[in-house]
Amino acid sequence: MPKRSWNLNTVYISERLQECLRPISRCALTTVVAPMGYGKTTAVNWYLLERAKLDEAAVVRISVYSDNLAIFWKSVQDAFEHAGLPLLRGYTCPDDAAGASLLADDLCHGLAGRGSVYIFIDDFHLLTDGRITEFLCTLVNRLPENVHLIVASRDRFLPGDAVVRLGSRVYPIGAEHLRLNHTELSIYAHRCGTDLTDAQVETLLHASEGWFSAVYLNLRTLSEYGALPDRHSDIYTMFSAAMIEPLSPRQQEFLAVMGLADEFTAPMARFVTGDPDTDRILTMLTEQNAFVTRLPDNRVADACIDDLRRYGVRTDAILRGGKRLGIYYMEEAAAMRSSHVVYDRADSAFDTLQPGMIDWDGIFRGASWFHWSGISAAVSAGTAAVCAEAIAAAHAAGLTVSCDINYRKNLWKYGKEPQEVLPPLMEQCDAFFGTDDEYEKVLGMQLPQFAARDTAYRPDTAGYERASAEVAARFPRCRSIVFGLRSVLSANHHLISGTLYTGGRLHSTRVYDIDPVVDCVGVGDAFVGGLLYGMAAHPHDAQFALDFGTAACALKNTVPGDYNQFTAAEVEQLARGSVSGRIAR
């Protein structure tokens, strides 16, 4: 019998909990109240995915990030817009009872007569303004039958008199519904990759009281050390071993200092710690990225995974299996001689990837953004189908989806052309990244030529704006369209720039003159990665995202290897205009 592999990202919704979730479709308001780590968000997202499959329900997902009412209102507007319901466009956040009542009436009128609509507000406990709760009560009393509001919170937020007034319009789900019992814990452990004895289940149940987070930490200890913690272990020891010890000493020191505060901002952290690398540490701790692929179970793949971990990338979503690691050979360019690439990916672990192998629901749990590359769809028919599978799952989980066109003609060997595979996948994406050449090859567009020879060159912004508007008209879901621009004077002398079209407006950035180019492998990935960072960190500042992405791309040209080696602060410094190249002493 082959050894079972662990999958701690497994999403498990017990039959008992499924029954508890079903009345949501019959109630105006469902409250999901339980402490942290009970699986509130996971349970609700599972339910919404099921409803979307049954009746193609519209889902509005609103995440609360702070107690700031203005920020919350912008999140509400963006969530409705993202769900294809631009009903709140132009509305200001009401500041009195009359304004709230008018907004409730207008919203209910706009949603009535549509198909099923589910509005999910997560982390509601972060909002302490009582007016929000009052507005929810007003809204719930007026909601049409096709609209269902779901609110998840760590604390009870409805006062007793409101519960009485709302009566049967409110359906409560609590910790007692979410925690695991003996049978459910055994099933969950099995799905994660192990079979526990009854005694082990009972011990684990006693220690965790069915709390998902505690069960997860116990099973993680079992997967890494081959044994469950003994009866003298406590949750704090397990948490430290699983979450704290893998961090670097600097990250641990940072948490030891700042963990005393209930909340803090980045400037506060910089002031308190005095650490110039505070921004990077915060990014590593709060905005971790997971790399999803399939690698063989051998030491070469182990080395690849170890290399990713050095940069703080989560690797627990990497599937192990297949025969070999795909490779490529590149003849480096020099002067007027072009480089050449030969791919050797046939029968590799990724080449043989098929739909159903990856647990996307588990991987997307807690995520906000999914990014995929056209290279993934180019390798085989199976990987193209996996891309479609992942995009559908990302939509169901409420993620933003972005695509790097990444056209590589030498990879398309399985009988399909990129023009017939990529556009249907792109139709489901919220953001596109590509070079002018890639848009021309895949979408058949005619684009302006970027013919820069020095930094005084000005791109044809009017032409790129027309081209971007054409893409936006063809792909209505897409909200951000990026063009990466490169002029190659020789193998060692490049000029780069870029444009970003969003909200009906084109943003452009400066031209960088890179001479000499040290290594141009990975510069496109640096450009996209920088943009993704900028768009996530500053969602309302498109110019910052573009400037940051282009600066990251420029810097990557100056270092060897596949990865960028610069901090966010260094990239921002270049984006602001520091291009001296002087020694920093």
Protein backbone atom coordinates (compact mmCIF):
# COMPACT_ATOMS: atom_id res chain seq x y z
CA MET A 1 0.00 0.00 0.00
CA PRO A 2 1.42 3.42 -0.93
CA LYS A 3 1.98 5.82 1.92
CA ARG A 4 -0.87 8.26 2.39
CA SER A 5 0.08 11.88 1.97
CA TRP A 6 -0.93 14.60 4.40
CA ASN A 7 -3.28 17.37 3.31
CA LEU A 8 -3.82 19.75 6.22
CA ASN A 9 -5.54 22.24 3.91
CA THR A 10 -8.56 19.93 3.77
CA VAL A 11 -11.90 21.68 4.11
CA TYR A 12 -14.27 19.57 6.17
CA ILE A 13 -17.93 20.49 6.66
CA SER A 14 -19.64 17.77 8.67
CA GLU A 15 -23.09 16.50 7.72
CA ARG A 16 -24.40 17.92 10.99
CA LEU A 17 -23.04 21.37 10.15
CA GLN A 18 -24.37 21.13 6.60
CA GLU A 19 -27.84 20.63 8.07
CA CYS A 20 -27.32 23.66 10.32
CA LEU A 21 -26.39 25.80 7.31
CA ARG A 22 -29.38 24.90 5.12
CA PRO A 23 -31.91 27.29 6.81
CA ILE A 24 -29.76 30.27 5.70
CA SER A 25 -31.66 30.35 2.39
CA ARG A 26 -34.96 30.78 4.26
CA CYS A 27 -33.92 33.60 6.60
CA ALA A 28 -33.29 37.30 6.16
CA LEU A 29 -30.36 37.37 8.61
CA THR A 30 -28.02 34.60 9.75
CA THR A 31 -25.62 35.37 12.60
CA VAL A 32 -22.52 33.18 12.87
CA VAL A 33 -20.96 33.94 16.24
CA ALA A 34 -17.98 32.04 17.66
CA PRO A 35 -14.44 32.75 18.87
CA MET A 36 -11.47 32.85 16.51
CA GLY A 37 -10.50 29.60 14.85
CA TYR A 38 -13.88 27.85 14.84
CA GLY A 39 -14.17 27.89 11.04
CA LYS A 40 -16.89 30.54 10.66
CA THR A 41 -15.58 31.90 7.37
CA THR A 42 -14.84 28.45 5.96
CA ALA A 43 -18.34 27.18 6.76
CA VAL A 44 -20.09 30.18 5.23
CA ASN A 45 -17.92 30.13 2.10
CA TRP A 46 -18.65 26.42 1.67
CA TYR A 47 -22.37 27.11 1.91
CA LEU A 48 -22.20 29.99 -0.58
CA LEU A 49 -20.29 27.82 -3.03
CA GLU A 50 -23.03 25.19 -2.79
CA ARG A 51 -25.76 27.78 -3.34
CA ALA A 52 -23.91 29.19 -6.35
CA LYS A 53 -23.86 25.70 -7.88
CA LEU A 54 -27.59 25.18 -7.26
CA ASP A 55 -29.18 28.45 -8.29
CA GLU A 56 -26.37 30.66 -9.62
CA ALA A 57 -26.82 33.01 -6.70
CA ALA A 58 -25.10 36.38 -6.65
CA VAL A 59 -22.70 36.64 -3.71
CA VAL A 60 -21.49 39.90 -2.15
CA ARG A 61 -18.52 39.32 0.17
CA ILE A 62 -17.60 42.16 2.51
CA SER A 63 -14.54 41.86 4.75
CA VAL A 64 -14.11 44.25 7.67
CA TYR A 65 -10.49 45.35 8.13
CA SER A 66 -10.77 48.12 10.72
CA ASP A 67 -13.13 50.21 12.81
CA ASN A 68 -12.84 53.07 10.34
CA LEU A 69 -16.36 53.71 8.98
CA ALA A 70 -15.11 55.32 5.75
CA ILE A 71 -12.91 52.33 4.97
CA PHE A 72 -15.79 49.96 5.72
CA TRP A 73 -18.15 51.87 3.43
CA LYS A 74 -15.62 51.76 0.58
CA SER A 75 -15.30 47.98 1.13
CA VAL A 76 -19.09 47.66 0.88
CA GLN A 77 -19.24 49.63 -2.36
CA ASP A 78 -16.34 47.67 -3.89
CA ALA A 79 -17.91 44.33 -2.87
CA PHE A 80 -21.23 45.14 -4.54
CA GLU A 81 -19.40 46.39 -7.63
CA HIS A 82 -17.29 43.21 -7.78
CA ALA A 83 -20.44 41.07 -7.57
CA GLY A 84 -21.90 42.83 -10.62
CA LEU A 85 -24.34 44.88 -8.51
CA PRO A 86 -23.27 48.54 -8.88
CA LEU A 87 -26.22 49.68 -6.75
CA LEU A 88 -24.25 51.78 -4.26
CA ARG A 89 -22.22 53.75 -6.79
CA GLY A 90 -22.50 57.43 -5.90
CA TYR A 91 -23.97 56.84 -2.44
CA THR A 92 -22.24 58.36 0.57
CA CYS A 93 -22.12 56.61 3.90
CA PRO A 94 -25.28 57.68 5.81
CA ASP A 95 -24.59 59.62 9.00
CA ASP A 96 -28.08 59.70 10.51
CA ALA A 97 -31.17 57.50 10.89
CA ALA A 98 -33.03 59.17 8.02
CA GLY A 99 -30.15 58.63 5.59
CA ALA A 100 -29.77 55.01 6.72
CA SER A 101 -33.49 54.37 6.20
CA LEU A 102 -33.37 55.86 2.71
CA LEU A 103 -30.32 53.75 1.82
CA ALA A 104 -32.02 50.59 3.10
CA ASP A 105 -35.09 51.32 0.96
CA ASP A 106 -33.03 52.01 -2.17
CA LEU A 107 -30.89 48.90 -1.66
CA CYS A 108 -33.88 46.63 -1.13
CA HIS A 109 -35.60 48.10 -4.19
CA GLY A 110 -32.50 47.50 -6.30
CA LEU A 111 -32.14 43.87 -5.16
CA ALA A 112 -35.82 42.91 -5.37
CA GLY A 113 -36.86 40.83 -8.35
CA ARG A 114 -33.36 39.48 -8.99
CA GLY A 115 -32.27 35.91 -8.40
CA SER A 116 -30.99 34.80 -5.02
CA VAL A 117 -28.56 37.29 -3.47
CA TYR A 118 -26.35 36.51 -0.47
CA ILE A 119 -24.53 39.33 1.36
CA PHE A 120 -21.75 38.03 3.62
CA ILE A 121 -20.08 40.40 6.12
CA ASP A 122 -17.04 38.81 7.77
CA ASP A 123 -15.20 39.92 10.94
CA PHE A 124 -18.08 42.16 11.99
CA HIS A 125 -16.65 42.35 15.54
CA LEU A 126 -14.07 44.85 14.29
CA LEU A 127 -16.85 47.44 13.86
CA THR A 128 -17.75 49.09 17.15
CA ASP A 129 -19.99 51.89 15.85
CA GLY A 130 -23.49 51.02 17.10
CA ARG A 131 -25.06 52.73 14.11
CA ILE A 132 -23.94 49.86 11.89
CA THR A 133 -25.91 47.35 13.95
CA GLU A 134 -28.94 49.65 13.94
CA PHE A 135 -28.72 49.90 10.15
CA LEU A 136 -28.50 46.11 9.83
CA CYS A 137 -31.68 45.73 11.89
CA THR A 138 -33.44 48.29 9.70
CA LEU A 139 -32.23 46.52 6.56
CA VAL A 140 -33.20 43.03 7.76
CA ASN A 141 -36.79 44.14 8.41
CA ARG A 142 -37.10 45.32 4.80
CA LEU A 143 -35.11 42.72 2.85
CA PRO A 144 -37.03 41.06 0.00
CA GLU A 145 -37.37 37.27 0.13
CA ASN A 146 -34.60 36.72 -2.44
CA VAL A 147 -31.92 38.46 -0.33
CA HIS A 148 -30.13 36.84 2.60
CA LEU A 149 -27.68 38.60 4.90
CA ILE A 150 -24.98 36.57 6.70
CA VAL A 151 -22.87 38.21 9.41
CA ALA A 152 -19.88 36.47 11.05
CA SER A 153 -18.48 37.83 14.29
CA ARG A 154 -16.40 36.74 17.27
CA ASP A 155 -18.82 38.51 19.61
CA ARG A 156 -22.59 38.81 19.87
CA PHE A 157 -23.60 42.04 18.19
CA LEU A 158 -27.41 42.01 18.28
CA PRO A 159 -28.90 43.35 21.52
CA GLY A 160 -31.59 41.23 23.13
CA ASP A 161 -34.44 43.56 22.23
CA ALA A 162 -33.39 43.52 18.56
CA VAL A 163 -33.40 39.70 18.55
CA VAL A 164 -36.96 39.77 19.94
CA ARG A 165 -38.16 42.35 17.40
CA LEU A 166 -36.66 40.51 14.43
CA GLY A 167 -38.04 37.17 15.59
CA SER A 168 -37.92 34.43 12.96
CA ARG A 169 -36.10 36.68 10.49
CA VAL A 170 -32.90 35.90 12.45
CA TYR A 171 -31.22 32.50 12.35
CA PRO A 172 -28.35 32.02 14.85
CA ILE A 173 -25.36 29.69 14.38
CA GLY A 174 -22.93 29.39 17.27
CA ALA A 175 -19.79 27.63 18.45
CA GLU A 176 -21.82 24.57 19.46
CA HIS A 177 -22.71 24.02 15.78
CA LEU A 178 -19.14 24.58 14.53
CA ARG A 179 -17.10 22.49 16.96
CA LEU A 180 -16.26 18.88 16.07
CA ASN A 181 -17.64 15.87 17.92
CA HIS A 182 -15.95 12.45 18.28
CA THR A 183 -17.11 11.05 14.94
CA GLU A 184 -16.45 14.26 13.01
CA LEU A 185 -12.95 14.63 14.43
CA SER A 186 -12.13 11.08 13.32
CA ILE A 187 -13.42 11.76 9.79
CA TYR A 188 -11.54 15.06 9.59
CA ALA A 189 -8.27 13.40 10.67
CA HIS A 190 -8.76 10.70 8.03
CA ARG A 191 -9.25 13.28 5.31
CA CYS A 192 -6.14 15.11 6.47
CA GLY A 193 -4.11 11.93 5.95
CA THR A 194 -4.17 9.85 9.14
CA ASP A 195 -6.38 7.39 10.99
CA LEU A 196 -6.57 7.91 14.75
CA THR A 197 -7.50 5.30 17.30
CA ASP A 198 -10.59 5.89 19.41
CA ALA A 199 -8.34 6.64 22.36
CA GLN A 200 -6.40 9.23 20.33
CA VAL A 201 -9.63 10.85 19.14
CA GLU A 202 -10.97 11.00 22.69
CA THR A 203 -7.73 12.51 24.00
CA LEU A 204 -7.65 15.05 21.18
CA LEU A 205 -11.32 15.89 21.69
CA HIS A 206 -10.78 16.44 25.40
CA ALA A 207 -7.78 18.69 24.78
CA SER A 208 -9.35 20.75 21.98
CA GLU A 209 -13.06 20.70 22.89
CA GLY A 210 -13.66 20.36 19.16
CA TRP A 211 -12.02 23.71 18.39
CA PHE A 212 -10.79 23.48 14.80
CA SER A 213 -7.63 25.50 15.38
CA ALA A 214 -6.50 23.26 18.25
CA VAL A 215 -7.29 20.12 16.25
CA TYR A 216 -5.33 21.49 13.29
CA LEU A 217 -2.28 22.27 15.42
CA ASN A 218 -2.37 18.81 16.97
CA LEU A 219 -2.55 17.13 13.57
CA ARG A 220 0.23 19.35 12.26
CA THR A 221 2.41 18.18 15.14
CA LEU A 222 1.52 14.58 14.29
CA SER A 223 2.42 15.06 10.61
CA GLU A 224 5.81 16.64 11.43
CA TYR A 225 6.91 14.60 14.44
CA GLY A 226 4.97 11.33 14.10
CA ALA A 227 3.15 11.68 17.41
CA LEU A 228 0.43 13.74 18.98
CA PRO A 229 1.43 16.08 21.82
CA ASP A 230 1.30 14.36 25.18
CA ARG A 231 -1.33 15.12 27.78
CA HIS A 232 0.91 17.69 29.42
CA SER A 233 1.17 19.80 26.26
CA ASP A 234 -0.90 22.93 26.00
CA ILE A 235 -2.29 24.94 23.09
CA TYR A 236 0.27 27.68 23.60
CA THR A 237 3.18 25.27 23.23
CA MET A 238 1.65 23.80 20.09
CA PHE A 239 0.95 27.23 18.63
CA SER A 240 4.52 28.29 19.27
CA ALA A 241 5.93 25.16 17.62
CA ALA A 242 3.69 25.45 14.56
CA MET A 243 3.52 29.20 14.03
CA ILE A 244 6.36 30.95 15.89
CA GLU A 245 9.40 28.66 15.76
CA PRO A 246 9.49 28.50 11.92
CA LEU A 247 9.91 32.30 11.83
CA SER A 248 13.30 33.97 11.63
CA PRO A 249 14.84 35.40 14.84
CA ARG A 250 14.10 38.97 13.64
CA GLN A 251 10.46 38.10 12.98
CA GLN A 252 10.15 36.48 16.40
CA GLU A 253 11.72 39.51 18.06
CA PHE A 254 9.33 41.79 16.17
CA LEU A 255 6.30 39.81 17.38
CA ALA A 256 7.63 39.75 20.94
CA VAL A 257 7.71 43.56 20.95
CA MET A 258 4.64 44.49 18.93
CA GLY A 259 2.49 41.62 20.20
CA LEU A 260 1.91 43.67 23.37
CA ALA A 261 -0.32 46.06 21.40
CA ASP A 262 -3.89 45.17 20.52
CA GLU A 263 -3.39 46.85 17.15
CA PHE A 264 -0.78 49.05 15.49
CA THR A 265 0.10 50.73 12.22
CA ALA A 266 3.27 50.33 10.18
CA PRO A 267 4.59 53.80 11.23
CA MET A 268 3.98 52.87 14.89
CA ALA A 269 5.91 49.61 14.43
CA ARG A 270 8.82 51.45 12.78
CA PHE A 271 8.93 53.93 15.69
CA VAL A 272 8.70 51.34 18.47
CA THR A 273 11.14 48.76 17.05
CA GLY A 274 13.56 51.14 15.37
CA ASP A 275 14.06 48.42 12.75
CA PRO A 276 14.58 49.83 9.23
CA ASP A 277 13.28 46.54 7.79
CA THR A 278 9.91 46.81 9.55
CA ASP A 279 7.88 47.07 6.34
CA ARG A 280 9.41 43.90 4.94
CA ILE A 281 8.83 41.99 8.19
CA LEU A 282 5.18 43.08 8.25
CA THR A 283 4.75 41.99 4.66
CA MET A 284 6.23 38.58 5.45
CA LEU A 285 3.97 38.15 8.48
CA THR A 286 0.70 39.45 7.07
CA GLU A 287 0.78 39.06 3.32
CA GLN A 288 2.30 35.67 2.75
CA ASN A 289 2.00 34.17 -0.68
CA ALA A 290 1.50 30.52 -1.52
CA PHE A 291 2.99 28.92 -4.63
CA VAL A 292 0.81 26.20 -6.17
CA THR A 293 2.35 23.64 -8.50
CA ARG A 294 3.16 19.93 -8.74
CA LEU A 295 6.64 18.61 -8.12
CA PRO A 296 8.05 15.09 -7.98
CA ASP A 297 8.91 13.56 -4.62
CA ASN A 298 12.70 13.71 -4.93
CA ARG A 299 15.64 15.71 -3.62
CA VAL A 300 15.78 18.04 -6.61
CA ALA A 301 12.22 19.15 -5.91
CA ASP A 302 13.06 19.38 -2.19
CA ALA A 303 15.82 21.85 -3.07
CA CYS A 304 13.36 23.92 -5.13
CA ILE A 305 10.94 24.06 -2.22
CA ASP A 306 13.69 25.01 0.23
CA ASP A 307 14.69 27.85 -2.11
CA LEU A 308 11.13 29.22 -2.15
CA ARG A 309 10.93 29.04 1.64
CA ARG A 310 14.02 31.27 1.91
CA TYR A 311 11.90 34.08 0.51
CA GLY A 312 8.94 33.53 2.83
CA VAL A 313 6.76 31.84 0.20
CA ARG A 314 4.32 29.25 1.55
CA THR A 315 4.97 25.85 0.01
CA ASP A 316 2.31 23.75 1.76
CA ALA A 317 0.07 24.04 -1.32
CA ILE A 318 2.62 22.29 -3.56
CA LEU A 319 1.39 18.87 -4.67
CA ARG A 320 3.98 16.07 -4.73
CA GLY A 321 3.82 13.41 -7.45
CA GLY A 322 4.81 12.59 -11.01
CA LYS A 323 8.08 11.29 -12.44
CA ARG A 324 10.38 14.24 -13.02
CA LEU A 325 10.94 17.98 -12.81
CA GLY A 326 10.44 19.93 -16.01
CA ILE A 327 13.52 21.87 -17.15
CA TYR A 328 14.60 24.26 -19.88
CA TYR A 329 17.89 25.24 -21.49
CA MET A 330 18.67 28.85 -22.37
CA GLU A 331 21.43 30.12 -24.63
CA GLU A 332 22.25 33.57 -23.28
CA ALA A 333 22.15 36.51 -25.65
CA ALA A 334 25.09 38.83 -26.25
CA ALA A 335 25.37 42.05 -28.28
CA MET A 336 23.30 41.51 -31.46
CA ARG A 337 22.87 37.73 -30.89
CA SER A 338 19.43 36.66 -29.58
CA SER A 339 18.92 34.11 -26.85
CA HIS A 340 17.26 30.75 -27.52
CA VAL A 341 15.23 28.55 -25.17
CA VAL A 342 14.66 24.80 -25.44
CA TYR A 343 11.95 23.34 -23.18
CA ASP A 344 12.06 19.79 -21.79
CA ARG A 345 8.78 19.41 -19.95
CA ALA A 346 7.18 16.30 -21.51
CA ASP A 347 5.97 13.79 -18.92
CA SER A 348 7.03 16.07 -16.06
CA ALA A 349 5.14 16.31 -12.77
CA PHE A 350 3.42 19.50 -13.93
CA ASP A 351 2.85 18.26 -17.49
CA THR A 352 0.80 15.34 -16.14
CA LEU A 353 -1.26 17.44 -13.71
CA GLN A 354 -5.01 16.82 -14.08
CA PRO A 355 -8.22 18.41 -12.73
CA GLY A 356 -9.24 17.08 -9.32
CA MET A 357 -5.69 16.64 -8.05
CA ILE A 358 -5.48 19.99 -6.22
CA ASP A 359 -7.76 20.93 -3.32
CA TRP A 360 -8.48 24.49 -4.46
CA ASP A 361 -11.14 25.08 -1.82
CA GLY A 362 -8.61 24.35 0.92
CA ILE A 363 -5.86 26.38 -0.71
CA PHE A 364 -8.11 29.40 -1.24
CA ARG A 365 -9.31 29.40 2.36
CA GLY A 366 -8.35 32.79 3.78
CA ALA A 367 -6.86 33.99 0.47
CA SER A 368 -7.82 37.18 -1.35
CA TRP A 369 -6.07 36.95 -4.74
CA PHE A 370 -5.32 34.20 -7.27
CA HIS A 371 -2.77 34.79 -10.03
CA TRP A 372 -2.09 32.39 -12.88
CA SER A 373 0.18 32.37 -15.90
CA GLY A 374 -0.45 31.58 -19.55
CA ILE A 375 2.55 29.24 -19.35
CA SER A 376 0.47 26.96 -17.12
CA ALA A 377 -2.18 26.64 -19.81
CA ALA A 378 0.46 26.09 -22.51
CA VAL A 379 2.11 22.96 -21.09
CA SER A 380 -0.68 20.42 -21.70
CA ALA A 381 -4.43 20.03 -22.14
CA GLY A 382 -4.56 18.80 -18.54
CA THR A 383 -2.87 21.89 -17.12
CA ALA A 384 -5.14 24.15 -19.18
CA ALA A 385 -8.14 22.36 -17.65
CA VAL A 386 -6.62 22.80 -14.18
CA CYS A 387 -6.35 26.55 -14.85
CA ALA A 388 -10.06 26.64 -15.67
CA GLU A 389 -10.80 24.61 -12.54
CA ALA A 390 -8.75 26.95 -10.34
CA ILE A 391 -10.34 30.10 -11.78
CA ALA A 392 -13.84 28.73 -11.12
CA ALA A 393 -12.91 27.83 -7.54
CA ALA A 394 -11.34 31.26 -7.02
CA HIS A 395 -14.55 32.94 -8.18
CA ALA A 396 -16.60 30.80 -5.83
CA ALA A 397 -14.32 31.79 -2.93
CA GLY A 398 -14.62 35.49 -3.79
CA LEU A 399 -10.99 36.00 -4.84
CA THR A 400 -9.65 38.56 -7.27
CA VAL A 401 -8.26 36.70 -10.30
CA SER A 402 -5.40 37.99 -12.44
CA CYS A 403 -3.66 36.60 -15.50
CA ASP A 404 -0.17 37.04 -16.92
CA ILE A 405 -0.58 36.21 -20.62
CA ASN A 406 3.04 34.94 -20.78
CA TYR A 407 2.91 33.74 -24.39
CA ARG A 408 5.69 31.24 -25.18
CA LYS A 409 5.23 29.78 -28.68
CA ASN A 410 7.67 26.89 -28.10
CA LEU A 411 5.51 25.52 -25.28
CA TRP A 412 2.26 25.07 -27.23
CA LYS A 413 2.69 21.47 -28.41
CA TYR A 414 -0.57 19.64 -27.56
CA GLY A 415 -2.64 20.57 -30.62
CA LYS A 416 -4.28 23.75 -29.33
CA GLU A 417 -3.42 27.32 -30.19
CA PRO A 418 -3.16 29.99 -27.50
CA GLN A 419 -5.76 32.06 -29.36
CA GLU A 420 -8.40 29.40 -28.66
CA VAL A 421 -7.34 28.46 -25.10
CA LEU A 422 -6.37 31.71 -23.37
CA PRO A 423 -9.21 34.16 -24.24
CA PRO A 424 -11.98 32.00 -22.66
CA LEU A 425 -9.89 31.80 -19.47
CA MET A 426 -9.17 35.54 -19.59
CA GLU A 427 -12.90 36.25 -19.74
CA GLN A 428 -13.06 35.20 -16.07
CA CYS A 429 -10.22 37.45 -14.89
CA ASP A 430 -10.21 40.80 -13.10
CA ALA A 431 -6.75 41.93 -14.24
CA PHE A 432 -4.47 41.27 -17.24
CA PHE A 433 -0.71 41.61 -17.50
CA GLY A 434 1.18 41.30 -20.77
CA THR A 435 3.66 42.83 -23.17
CA ASP A 436 2.47 44.60 -26.28
CA ASP A 437 3.74 41.61 -28.28
CA GLU A 438 1.67 39.17 -26.18
CA TYR A 439 -1.54 41.13 -26.64
CA GLU A 440 -0.89 41.19 -30.39
CA LYS A 441 -0.15 37.45 -30.65
CA VAL A 442 -3.00 36.17 -28.42
CA LEU A 443 -5.75 38.72 -29.04
CA GLY A 444 -4.84 39.79 -32.59
CA MET A 445 -4.58 43.47 -31.67
CA GLN A 446 -2.71 46.25 -33.44
CA LEU A 447 -0.71 48.23 -30.89
CA PRO A 448 1.56 51.27 -30.91
CA GLN A 449 5.26 50.59 -31.13
CA PHE A 450 7.45 51.28 -28.12
CA ALA A 451 10.62 52.51 -29.81
CA ALA A 452 12.46 54.19 -26.93
CA ARG A 453 16.18 54.89 -27.37
CA ASP A 454 16.63 57.03 -24.27
CA THR A 455 14.69 58.23 -21.23
CA ALA A 456 13.41 61.29 -23.09
CA TYR A 457 11.12 59.04 -25.16
CA ARG A 458 7.37 59.46 -24.58
CA PRO A 459 5.16 56.41 -25.25
CA ASP A 460 2.01 56.81 -27.35
CA THR A 461 -0.32 57.00 -24.34
CA ALA A 462 -3.34 57.84 -26.50
CA GLY A 463 -2.72 54.70 -28.53
CA TYR A 464 -2.32 52.52 -25.44
CA GLU A 465 -5.46 54.04 -23.94
CA ARG A 466 -7.43 53.11 -27.10
CA ALA A 467 -5.97 49.60 -27.03
CA SER A 468 -6.77 49.20 -23.33
CA ALA A 469 -10.35 50.37 -23.89
CA GLU A 470 -10.64 47.80 -26.68
CA VAL A 471 -9.51 45.04 -24.31
CA ALA A 472 -11.92 46.28 -21.62
CA ALA A 473 -14.83 46.20 -24.08
CA ARG A 474 -13.98 42.65 -25.14
CA PHE A 475 -13.54 41.44 -21.54
CA PRO A 476 -16.15 43.29 -19.42
CA ARG A 477 -15.10 41.61 -16.17
CA CYS A 478 -11.54 42.90 -16.40
CA ARG A 479 -10.93 46.03 -14.30
CA SER A 480 -7.17 46.47 -14.73
CA ILE A 481 -5.21 46.13 -17.98
CA VAL A 482 -1.42 46.37 -17.88
CA PHE A 483 1.01 46.74 -20.79
CA GLY A 484 4.68 46.00 -20.14
CA LEU A 485 6.82 47.94 -22.64
CA ARG A 486 10.39 47.06 -23.62
CA SER A 487 12.76 48.40 -26.27
CA VAL A 488 15.77 46.13 -26.89
CA LEU A 489 18.68 48.08 -28.36
CA SER A 490 21.02 45.14 -27.80
CA ALA A 491 21.20 42.11 -25.54
CA ASN A 492 22.83 44.28 -22.89
CA HIS A 493 20.91 47.54 -23.34
CA HIS A 494 17.14 47.70 -22.72
CA LEU A 495 14.63 50.47 -22.04
CA ILE A 496 11.41 49.68 -20.19
CA SER A 497 8.16 51.36 -19.19
CA GLY A 498 4.52 50.39 -18.65
CA THR A 499 0.88 51.47 -18.62
CA LEU A 500 -2.06 50.57 -16.38
CA TYR A 501 -5.66 51.15 -17.46
CA THR A 502 -8.31 51.08 -14.75
CA GLY A 503 -11.53 52.94 -14.03
CA GLY A 504 -11.59 54.27 -17.62
CA ARG A 505 -8.25 56.03 -17.16
CA LEU A 506 -4.75 55.23 -18.42
CA HIS A 507 -1.76 55.61 -16.09
CA SER A 508 1.76 55.70 -17.49
CA THR A 509 5.20 55.72 -15.89
CA ARG A 510 8.73 56.87 -16.65
CA VAL A 511 11.14 55.18 -19.06
CA TYR A 512 14.07 53.34 -17.44
CA ASP A 513 17.35 53.01 -19.33
CA ILE A 514 19.14 49.81 -18.28
CA ASP A 515 22.71 49.59 -19.51
CA PRO A 516 24.17 47.11 -18.94
CA VAL A 517 21.54 44.43 -18.42
CA VAL A 518 22.98 41.86 -15.99
CA ASP A 519 20.23 39.22 -16.33
CA CYS A 520 16.84 39.69 -17.98
CA VAL A 521 15.41 36.32 -16.85
CA GLY A 522 12.52 36.94 -14.50
CA VAL A 523 12.13 40.66 -15.22
CA GLY A 524 8.55 40.17 -16.42
CA ASP A 525 7.74 38.27 -13.25
CA ALA A 526 9.31 41.08 -11.21
CA PHE A 527 7.13 43.58 -13.07
CA VAL A 528 3.94 41.60 -12.42
CA GLY A 529 4.92 40.77 -8.84
CA GLY A 530 5.60 44.42 -8.11
CA LEU A 531 2.28 45.44 -9.59
CA LEU A 532 0.40 42.79 -7.62
CA TYR A 533 2.06 44.02 -4.44
CA GLY A 534 1.21 47.62 -5.27
CA MET A 535 -2.39 46.85 -6.20
CA ALA A 536 -2.93 44.85 -2.99
CA ALA A 537 -1.10 47.26 -0.66
CA HIS A 538 -2.59 50.42 -2.20
CA PRO A 539 -5.86 49.35 -3.88
CA HIS A 540 -6.92 52.94 -4.54
CA ASP A 541 -3.60 54.23 -5.90
CA ALA A 542 -3.12 52.83 -9.41
CA GLN A 543 -0.19 55.15 -10.14
CA PHE A 544 1.73 53.82 -7.12
CA ALA A 545 1.17 50.22 -8.25
CA LEU A 546 2.43 50.95 -11.76
CA ASP A 547 5.44 52.94 -10.58
CA PHE A 548 6.34 50.24 -8.06
CA GLY A 549 6.00 47.40 -10.59
CA THR A 550 8.10 49.14 -13.22
CA ALA A 551 10.80 50.02 -10.69
CA ALA A 552 10.89 46.40 -9.49
CA CYS A 553 11.29 45.27 -13.10
CA ALA A 554 14.12 47.74 -13.69
CA LEU A 555 15.98 46.58 -10.59
CA LYS A 556 15.64 42.89 -11.50
CA ASN A 557 17.61 43.57 -14.70
CA THR A 558 20.59 44.47 -12.52
CA VAL A 559 21.00 41.21 -10.56
CA PRO A 560 21.64 37.61 -11.69
CA GLY A 561 19.19 34.79 -11.03
CA ASP A 562 15.45 34.27 -11.33
CA TYR A 563 14.38 36.26 -8.25
CA ASN A 564 14.33 39.93 -7.41
CA GLN A 565 16.59 40.70 -4.42
CA PHE A 566 15.33 44.09 -3.26
CA THR A 567 13.23 45.29 -0.36
CA ALA A 568 10.00 47.20 -0.86
CA ALA A 569 11.73 50.30 0.50
CA GLU A 570 14.50 50.03 -2.12
CA VAL A 571 11.96 49.64 -4.92
CA GLU A 572 9.97 52.64 -3.67
CA GLN A 573 13.16 54.69 -3.52
CA LEU A 574 13.84 54.01 -7.19
CA ALA A 575 10.20 54.65 -8.10
CA ARG A 576 10.48 58.07 -6.43
CA GLY A 577 13.41 58.99 -8.65
CA SER A 578 16.63 57.81 -7.00
CA VAL A 579 18.68 56.50 -9.94
CA SER A 580 22.20 57.64 -9.04
CA GLY A 581 23.84 54.22 -8.74
CA ARG A 582 26.15 55.64 -6.08
CA ILE A 583 27.55 53.53 -3.25
CA ALA A 584 25.41 53.80 -0.13
CA ARG A 585 27.81 54.22 2.79
